[in-house]
Amino acid sequence: MFCVWITGIPGSGKSTIAKELADELKSRNINFQILRLDEIRKVVTPNPDYSEKERDIVYRALAMMAKFLYDNGINVIIDATANKRDYRNLARNLMKIFSIYLKKFNYVQSLTI
């Protein structure tokens, strides 16, 4: 099992990399789930105020969802900015994760794994 957290500033290409990785995993028949923070936020906080407290709650929910999937034999790709190291450390304390930090991604061709 694996959990890959793709992190970086907004607009750096996190979602693009997550999609390319997902496409590659699908082609290899590898079971996985993508967790996108923006989608989780809409469920956890339907009227977000983007406060520090709210971000903490949303990232806790993200980490717990990732752990649940991971513990149930599903590989996980996390697509989230995670501007605080504490957010990533929360997940690291729950499971083994591999982080990819993007500063800027220029999409040229398909990702090769």
C-alpha atoms as a PDB file:
ATOM      1  CA  MET A   1       0.000   0.000   0.000  1.00  0.00           C
ATOM      2  CA  PHE A   2       1.078   3.560  -0.540  1.00  0.00           C
ATOM      3  CA  CYS A   3      -0.076   7.079   0.166  1.00  0.00           C
ATOM      4  CA  VAL A   4       1.322   9.867  -2.005  1.00  0.00           C
ATOM      5  CA  TRP A   5       0.698  13.453  -0.896  1.00  0.00           C
ATOM      6  CA  ILE A   6       1.132  15.951  -3.726  1.00  0.00           C
ATOM      7  CA  THR A   7       1.603  19.343  -2.133  1.00  0.00           C
ATOM      8  CA  GLY A   8       2.602  22.807  -3.254  1.00  0.00           C
ATOM      9  CA  ILE A   9       1.391  26.313  -3.805  1.00  0.00           C
ATOM     10  CA  PRO A  10      -1.919  26.907  -5.597  1.00  0.00           C
ATOM     11  CA  GLY A  11      -1.489  26.632  -9.355  1.00  0.00           C
ATOM     12  CA  SER A  12       1.714  24.591  -9.112  1.00  0.00           C
ATOM     13  CA  GLY A  13       0.253  21.580 -10.925  1.00  0.00           C
ATOM     14  CA  LYS A  14      -0.846  19.332  -8.062  1.00  0.00           C
ATOM     15  CA  SER A  15      -4.106  18.306  -9.709  1.00  0.00           C
ATOM     16  CA  THR A  16      -2.386  17.755 -13.065  1.00  0.00           C
ATOM     17  CA  ILE A  17       0.220  15.461 -11.501  1.00  0.00           C
ATOM     18  CA  ALA A  18      -2.476  13.654  -9.483  1.00  0.00           C
ATOM     19  CA  LYS A  19      -4.464  13.026 -12.679  1.00  0.00           C
ATOM     20  CA  GLU A  20      -1.401  11.784 -14.574  1.00  0.00           C
ATOM     21  CA  LEU A  21      -0.493   9.465 -11.694  1.00  0.00           C
ATOM     22  CA  ALA A  22      -4.094   8.234 -11.549  1.00  0.00           C
ATOM     23  CA  ASP A  23      -4.096   7.526 -15.293  1.00  0.00           C
ATOM     24  CA  GLU A  24      -0.880   5.535 -14.958  1.00  0.00           C
ATOM     25  CA  LEU A  25      -2.209   3.530 -12.008  1.00  0.00           C
ATOM     26  CA  LYS A  26      -5.445   2.776 -13.894  1.00  0.00           C
ATOM     27  CA  SER A  27      -3.432   1.506 -16.862  1.00  0.00           C
ATOM     28  CA  ARG A  28      -1.663  -0.901 -14.494  1.00  0.00           C
ATOM     29  CA  ASN A  29      -4.903  -1.986 -12.779  1.00  0.00           C
ATOM     30  CA  ILE A  30      -3.703  -0.645  -9.432  1.00  0.00           C
ATOM     31  CA  ASN A  31      -6.484   0.142  -6.959  1.00  0.00           C
ATOM     32  CA  PHE A  32      -6.366   3.723  -5.633  1.00  0.00           C
ATOM     33  CA  GLN A  33      -8.429   6.705  -4.565  1.00  0.00           C
ATOM     34  CA  ILE A  34      -7.676  10.409  -5.033  1.00  0.00           C
ATOM     35  CA  LEU A  35      -8.528  12.692  -2.118  1.00  0.00           C
ATOM     36  CA  ARG A  36      -8.797  16.341  -3.143  1.00  0.00           C
ATOM     37  CA  LEU A  37      -8.879  18.814  -0.288  1.00  0.00           C
ATOM     38  CA  ASP A  38     -11.185  21.178  -2.172  1.00  0.00           C
ATOM     39  CA  GLU A  39     -13.813  18.443  -2.516  1.00  0.00           C
ATOM     40  CA  ILE A  40     -13.503  17.374   1.118  1.00  0.00           C
ATOM     41  CA  ARG A  41     -13.783  20.988   2.293  1.00  0.00           C
ATOM     42  CA  LYS A  42     -17.150  21.311   0.496  1.00  0.00           C
ATOM     43  CA  VAL A  43     -18.532  18.418   2.555  1.00  0.00           C
ATOM     44  CA  VAL A  44     -16.892  19.187   5.904  1.00  0.00           C
ATOM     45  CA  THR A  45     -17.565  22.938   5.759  1.00  0.00           C
ATOM     46  CA  PRO A  46     -20.316  23.737   3.231  1.00  0.00           C
ATOM     47  CA  ASN A  47     -19.880  27.488   3.892  1.00  0.00           C
ATOM     48  CA  PRO A  48     -16.115  27.786   4.328  1.00  0.00           C
ATOM     49  CA  ASP A  49     -14.540  30.808   5.975  1.00  0.00           C
ATOM     50  CA  TYR A  50     -10.959  29.530   5.415  1.00  0.00           C
ATOM     51  CA  SER A  51     -10.011  30.342   9.006  1.00  0.00           C
ATOM     52  CA  GLU A  52      -7.065  28.631  10.691  1.00  0.00           C
ATOM     53  CA  LYS A  53      -9.448  26.601  12.863  1.00  0.00           C
ATOM     54  CA  GLU A  54     -11.460  25.473   9.849  1.00  0.00           C
ATOM     55  CA  ARG A  55      -8.313  24.483   7.927  1.00  0.00           C
ATOM     56  CA  ASP A  56      -7.174  22.399  10.901  1.00  0.00           C
ATOM     57  CA  ILE A  57     -10.511  20.559  10.933  1.00  0.00           C
ATOM     58  CA  VAL A  58     -10.504  19.965   7.170  1.00  0.00           C
ATOM     59  CA  TYR A  59      -6.927  18.644   7.181  1.00  0.00           C
ATOM     60  CA  ARG A  60      -7.745  16.320  10.105  1.00  0.00           C
ATOM     61  CA  ALA A  61     -10.688  14.971   8.105  1.00  0.00           C
ATOM     62  CA  LEU A  62      -8.432  14.518   5.076  1.00  0.00           C
ATOM     63  CA  ALA A  63      -5.816  12.621   7.102  1.00  0.00           C
ATOM     64  CA  MET A  64      -8.422  10.347   8.684  1.00  0.00           C
ATOM     65  CA  MET A  65     -10.029   9.583   5.318  1.00  0.00           C
ATOM     66  CA  ALA A  66      -6.617   8.731   3.875  1.00  0.00           C
ATOM     67  CA  LYS A  67      -5.837   6.457   6.823  1.00  0.00           C
ATOM     68  CA  PHE A  68      -9.199   4.696   6.515  1.00  0.00           C
ATOM     69  CA  LEU A  69      -8.605   3.978   2.822  1.00  0.00           C
ATOM     70  CA  TYR A  70      -4.972   2.964   3.427  1.00  0.00           C
ATOM     71  CA  ASP A  71      -5.952   0.623   6.278  1.00  0.00           C
ATOM     72  CA  ASN A  72      -8.540  -0.989   4.009  1.00  0.00           C
ATOM     73  CA  GLY A  73      -6.077  -1.826   1.264  1.00  0.00           C
ATOM     74  CA  ILE A  74      -6.641   1.152  -1.003  1.00  0.00           C
ATOM     75  CA  ASN A  75      -3.690   3.181  -2.260  1.00  0.00           C
ATOM     76  CA  VAL A  76      -4.160   6.914  -1.767  1.00  0.00           C
ATOM     77  CA  ILE A  77      -3.223  10.028  -3.724  1.00  0.00           C
ATOM     78  CA  ILE A  78      -3.734  13.265  -1.775  1.00  0.00           C
ATOM     79  CA  ASP A  79      -4.059  16.506  -3.745  1.00  0.00           C
ATOM     80  CA  ALA A  80      -3.772  19.310  -1.180  1.00  0.00           C
ATOM     81  CA  THR A  81      -1.752  22.482  -0.687  1.00  0.00           C
ATOM     82  CA  ALA A  82      -0.810  21.635   2.930  1.00  0.00           C
ATOM     83  CA  ASN A  83       0.914  24.940   3.560  1.00  0.00           C
ATOM     84  CA  LYS A  84       1.753  23.888   7.132  1.00  0.00           C
ATOM     85  CA  ARG A  85       4.137  21.048   7.882  1.00  0.00           C
ATOM     86  CA  ASP A  86       1.826  20.094  10.778  1.00  0.00           C
ATOM     87  CA  TYR A  87      -0.840  19.028   8.286  1.00  0.00           C
ATOM     88  CA  ARG A  88       1.518  16.603   6.565  1.00  0.00           C
ATOM     89  CA  ASN A  89       2.935  15.424   9.886  1.00  0.00           C
ATOM     90  CA  LEU A  90      -0.573  14.584  11.067  1.00  0.00           C
ATOM     91  CA  ALA A  91      -0.889  12.132   8.171  1.00  0.00           C
ATOM     92  CA  ARG A  92       2.673  10.849   8.692  1.00  0.00           C
ATOM     93  CA  ASN A  93       1.797   9.989  12.284  1.00  0.00           C
ATOM     94  CA  LEU A  94      -1.105   7.861  11.040  1.00  0.00           C
ATOM     95  CA  MET A  95       0.570   6.039   8.142  1.00  0.00           C
ATOM     96  CA  LYS A  96       3.629   5.971   5.941  1.00  0.00           C
ATOM     97  CA  ILE A  97       3.327   8.645   3.253  1.00  0.00           C
ATOM     98  CA  PHE A  98       5.456   9.839   0.381  1.00  0.00           C
ATOM     99  CA  SER A  99       5.315  13.600  -0.230  1.00  0.00           C
ATOM    100  CA  ILE A 100       5.879  15.419  -3.503  1.00  0.00           C
ATOM    101  CA  TYR A 101       6.281  19.184  -3.202  1.00  0.00           C
ATOM    102  CA  LEU A 102       5.678  21.230  -6.346  1.00  0.00           C
ATOM    103  CA  LYS A 103       6.896  24.782  -6.738  1.00  0.00           C
ATOM    104  CA  LYS A 104       5.805  25.049 -10.342  1.00  0.00           C
ATOM    105  CA  PHE A 105       4.931  22.420 -12.905  1.00  0.00           C
ATOM    106  CA  ASN A 106       5.116  23.043 -16.634  1.00  0.00           C
ATOM    107  CA  TYR A 107       3.066  20.362 -18.360  1.00  0.00           C
ATOM    108  CA  VAL A 108       4.909  19.170 -21.451  1.00  0.00           C
ATOM    109  CA  GLN A 109       3.990  15.535 -21.974  1.00  0.00           C
ATOM    110  CA  SER A 110       2.579  12.574 -20.112  1.00  0.00           C
ATOM    111  CA  LEU A 111       4.185  11.588 -16.856  1.00  0.00           C
ATOM    112  CA  THR A 112       6.258   8.417 -17.118  1.00  0.00           C
ATOM    113  CA  ILE A 113       6.584   6.250 -14.042  1.00  0.00           C
END
